[in-house]
Amino acid sequence: MSIKRIARHLVQHHWRARQIFPQAALDRIERAIRQGETTHSGQVRFVVEGALDGRPLFRNQPARERALDLFSHLRIWDTAHNNGVLIYLLLADRDVEIIADRGIDAKVGAAGWETICRAMESEFRSGQFERGVIAGIAAVSRELARHFPPQGPHANELPDAPVVM
């Protein structure tokens, strides 16, 4: 467990997510998800967490493990075509993780998701958080459209609204 990481999470805390992503930005992110989902039959969720606290922090839980927990908790794995995707941002670590259900993950693979994550993190380093998230949503949607194009009307199985923790 890194004292530096604990300090960063305690200082950063949850208010930072609301500062970086005000409601207007969250609304634009929600629209980007909704628009992207018109091009494919998949489901995309975006979760931003300012910092870990309590047990996850003191267990030194990595961002990827936290993203897996949220993928399960938000039931993103429970889509009809196994093509749900979570884009998770842990602000205190400046870490983006993409967790994808087995249907789409088998097509894109870890290297494909990692490329999208690194592009998003590059935007974040220059302070362009909203732009980075929207570009990430567009990239995920392109992958979903390529492998799971829309086939007639389909239900929106998961909420499009971003989750701020």
Protein backbone atom coordinates (compact mmCIF):
# COMPACT_ATOMS: atom_id res chain seq x y z
CA MET A 1 0.00 0.00 0.00
CA SER A 2 1.43 3.33 -1.07
CA ILE A 3 1.21 6.24 1.37
CA LYS A 4 1.41 8.56 -1.63
CA ARG A 5 -1.65 6.92 -3.22
CA ILE A 6 -3.64 7.07 0.03
CA ALA A 7 -2.79 10.75 0.44
CA ARG A 8 -3.78 11.49 -3.16
CA HIS A 9 -7.15 9.78 -2.68
CA LEU A 10 -7.83 11.49 0.63
CA VAL A 11 -6.99 14.93 -0.79
CA GLN A 12 -8.70 14.43 -4.15
CA HIS A 13 -11.92 12.99 -2.80
CA HIS A 14 -15.36 13.08 -4.38
CA TRP A 15 -15.89 16.80 -4.86
CA ARG A 16 -13.26 16.71 -7.61
CA ALA A 17 -15.48 14.63 -9.91
CA ARG A 18 -18.26 17.24 -9.71
CA GLN A 19 -15.77 20.03 -10.28
CA ILE A 20 -14.34 18.42 -13.42
CA PHE A 21 -17.69 17.13 -14.66
CA PRO A 22 -20.38 19.73 -13.91
CA GLN A 23 -23.96 18.86 -14.81
CA ALA A 24 -23.71 20.44 -18.27
CA ALA A 25 -20.73 18.18 -19.10
CA LEU A 26 -22.57 15.14 -17.75
CA ASP A 27 -25.55 16.02 -19.96
CA ARG A 28 -23.29 16.19 -23.03
CA ILE A 29 -21.71 12.84 -22.11
CA GLU A 30 -25.17 11.30 -21.75
CA ARG A 31 -26.11 12.63 -25.20
CA ALA A 32 -22.90 11.15 -26.65
CA ILE A 33 -23.79 7.75 -25.20
CA ARG A 34 -27.36 7.98 -26.49
CA GLN A 35 -26.17 9.06 -29.95
CA GLY A 36 -23.54 6.31 -30.07
CA GLU A 37 -26.11 3.69 -29.17
CA THR A 38 -28.11 4.57 -32.28
CA THR A 39 -25.22 3.12 -34.33
CA HIS A 40 -25.05 -0.28 -32.65
CA SER A 41 -26.96 -2.78 -30.52
CA GLY A 42 -24.56 -2.53 -27.56
CA GLN A 43 -24.84 -0.69 -24.27
CA VAL A 44 -22.31 1.84 -22.96
CA ARG A 45 -21.98 3.16 -19.39
CA PHE A 46 -19.61 5.82 -18.09
CA VAL A 47 -18.66 5.97 -14.41
CA VAL A 48 -16.36 8.56 -12.87
CA GLU A 49 -15.12 8.20 -9.32
CA GLY A 50 -13.21 11.02 -7.69
CA ALA A 51 -11.29 8.84 -5.28
CA LEU A 52 -11.49 5.57 -3.42
CA ASP A 53 -12.23 5.57 0.27
CA GLY A 54 -12.72 3.08 3.07
CA ARG A 55 -12.03 -0.58 2.36
CA PRO A 56 -11.19 -0.22 -1.37
CA LEU A 57 -8.59 2.44 -0.59
CA PHE A 58 -6.96 0.70 2.36
CA ARG A 59 -6.98 -2.61 0.48
CA ASN A 60 -5.09 -0.74 -2.24
CA GLN A 61 -7.69 -1.82 -4.79
CA PRO A 62 -6.45 -1.16 -8.34
CA ALA A 63 -8.68 0.80 -10.71
CA ARG A 64 -9.21 -2.28 -12.90
CA GLU A 65 -10.50 -4.33 -9.97
CA ARG A 66 -12.79 -1.47 -8.93
CA ALA A 67 -14.09 -1.24 -12.50
CA LEU A 68 -14.84 -4.98 -12.48
CA ASP A 69 -16.82 -4.54 -9.25
CA LEU A 70 -18.85 -1.73 -10.80
CA PHE A 71 -19.37 -3.66 -14.04
CA SER A 72 -21.03 -6.37 -11.96
CA HIS A 73 -22.87 -4.03 -9.57
CA LEU A 74 -24.36 -2.00 -12.44
CA ARG A 75 -25.30 -5.24 -14.24
CA ILE A 76 -23.53 -4.24 -17.44
CA TRP A 77 -22.81 -7.92 -18.01
CA ASP A 78 -26.55 -8.57 -18.21
CA THR A 79 -27.29 -7.40 -21.77
CA ALA A 80 -29.12 -9.50 -24.33
CA HIS A 81 -26.17 -9.75 -26.74
CA ASN A 82 -23.33 -9.76 -24.17
CA ASN A 83 -22.13 -6.44 -25.54
CA GLY A 84 -22.21 -4.05 -22.60
CA VAL A 85 -19.18 -1.82 -22.07
CA LEU A 86 -18.13 0.15 -19.00
CA ILE A 87 -15.80 3.13 -19.31
CA TYR A 88 -14.50 3.81 -15.79
CA LEU A 89 -12.42 6.81 -14.75
CA LEU A 90 -10.73 6.94 -11.35
CA LEU A 91 -9.72 10.60 -11.14
CA ALA A 92 -7.31 10.36 -8.21
CA ASP A 93 -5.20 7.85 -10.17
CA ARG A 94 -5.92 9.41 -13.59
CA ASP A 95 -6.66 5.88 -14.70
CA VAL A 96 -9.23 4.79 -17.29
CA GLU A 97 -10.38 1.20 -17.50
CA ILE A 98 -12.71 -0.32 -20.06
CA ILE A 99 -14.51 -3.49 -19.04
CA ALA A 100 -16.45 -5.21 -21.79
CA ASP A 101 -18.82 -8.14 -21.76
CA ARG A 102 -17.64 -11.33 -23.42
CA GLY A 103 -19.48 -10.83 -26.73
CA ILE A 104 -17.73 -7.59 -27.65
CA ASP A 105 -14.53 -8.30 -25.72
CA ALA A 106 -13.89 -11.38 -27.85
CA LYS A 107 -13.97 -9.15 -30.93
CA VAL A 108 -11.96 -6.13 -29.72
CA GLY A 109 -9.61 -7.67 -27.17
CA ALA A 110 -7.46 -6.14 -24.46
CA ALA A 111 -5.15 -4.33 -26.91
CA GLY A 112 -8.08 -2.58 -28.59
CA TRP A 113 -9.53 -1.38 -25.30
CA GLU A 114 -6.09 -0.32 -24.07
CA THR A 115 -5.61 1.87 -27.15
CA ILE A 116 -8.86 3.69 -26.39
CA CYS A 117 -7.92 4.11 -22.71
CA ARG A 118 -4.49 5.57 -23.53
CA ALA A 119 -6.02 8.05 -25.99
CA MET A 120 -8.47 9.18 -23.29
CA GLU A 121 -5.69 9.50 -20.70
CA SER A 122 -3.72 11.65 -23.14
CA GLU A 123 -6.64 14.09 -23.30
CA PHE A 124 -6.90 14.06 -19.51
CA ARG A 125 -3.22 14.95 -19.11
CA SER A 126 -3.91 18.12 -21.08
CA GLY A 127 -6.95 18.89 -18.88
CA GLN A 128 -9.50 17.93 -21.54
CA PHE A 129 -11.63 15.56 -19.45
CA GLU A 130 -14.97 16.00 -21.17
CA ARG A 131 -13.41 15.84 -24.64
CA GLY A 132 -11.48 12.71 -23.65
CA VAL A 133 -14.59 10.97 -22.35
CA ILE A 134 -16.66 11.85 -25.41
CA ALA A 135 -13.85 10.69 -27.72
CA GLY A 136 -13.65 7.43 -25.74
CA ILE A 137 -17.41 6.92 -26.04
CA ALA A 138 -17.16 7.52 -29.80
CA ALA A 139 -14.29 5.01 -30.12
CA VAL A 140 -16.17 2.37 -28.12
CA SER A 141 -19.28 3.01 -30.20
CA ARG A 142 -17.30 2.55 -33.43
CA GLU A 143 -16.13 -0.86 -32.20
CA LEU A 144 -19.66 -1.82 -31.20
CA ALA A 145 -21.06 -0.60 -34.55
CA ARG A 146 -18.47 -2.66 -36.43
CA HIS A 147 -19.22 -5.86 -34.53
CA PHE A 148 -22.82 -5.34 -33.37
CA PRO A 149 -24.62 -3.11 -35.90
CA PRO A 150 -28.20 -2.20 -35.08
CA GLN A 151 -30.74 -4.74 -36.25
CA GLY A 152 -34.04 -2.95 -36.17
CA PRO A 153 -35.38 -1.23 -33.09
CA HIS A 154 -33.72 -2.33 -29.88
CA ALA A 155 -34.43 -1.59 -26.25
CA ASN A 156 -32.14 0.64 -24.27
CA GLU A 157 -31.20 -1.95 -21.67
CA LEU A 158 -29.06 0.29 -19.45
CA PRO A 159 -29.34 3.96 -18.45
CA ASP A 160 -27.31 6.39 -20.57
CA ALA A 161 -26.73 8.86 -17.72
CA PRO A 162 -23.16 8.92 -16.38
CA VAL A 163 -22.63 7.74 -12.81
CA VAL A 164 -20.62 10.03 -10.54
CA MET A 165 -19.30 8.43 -7.39
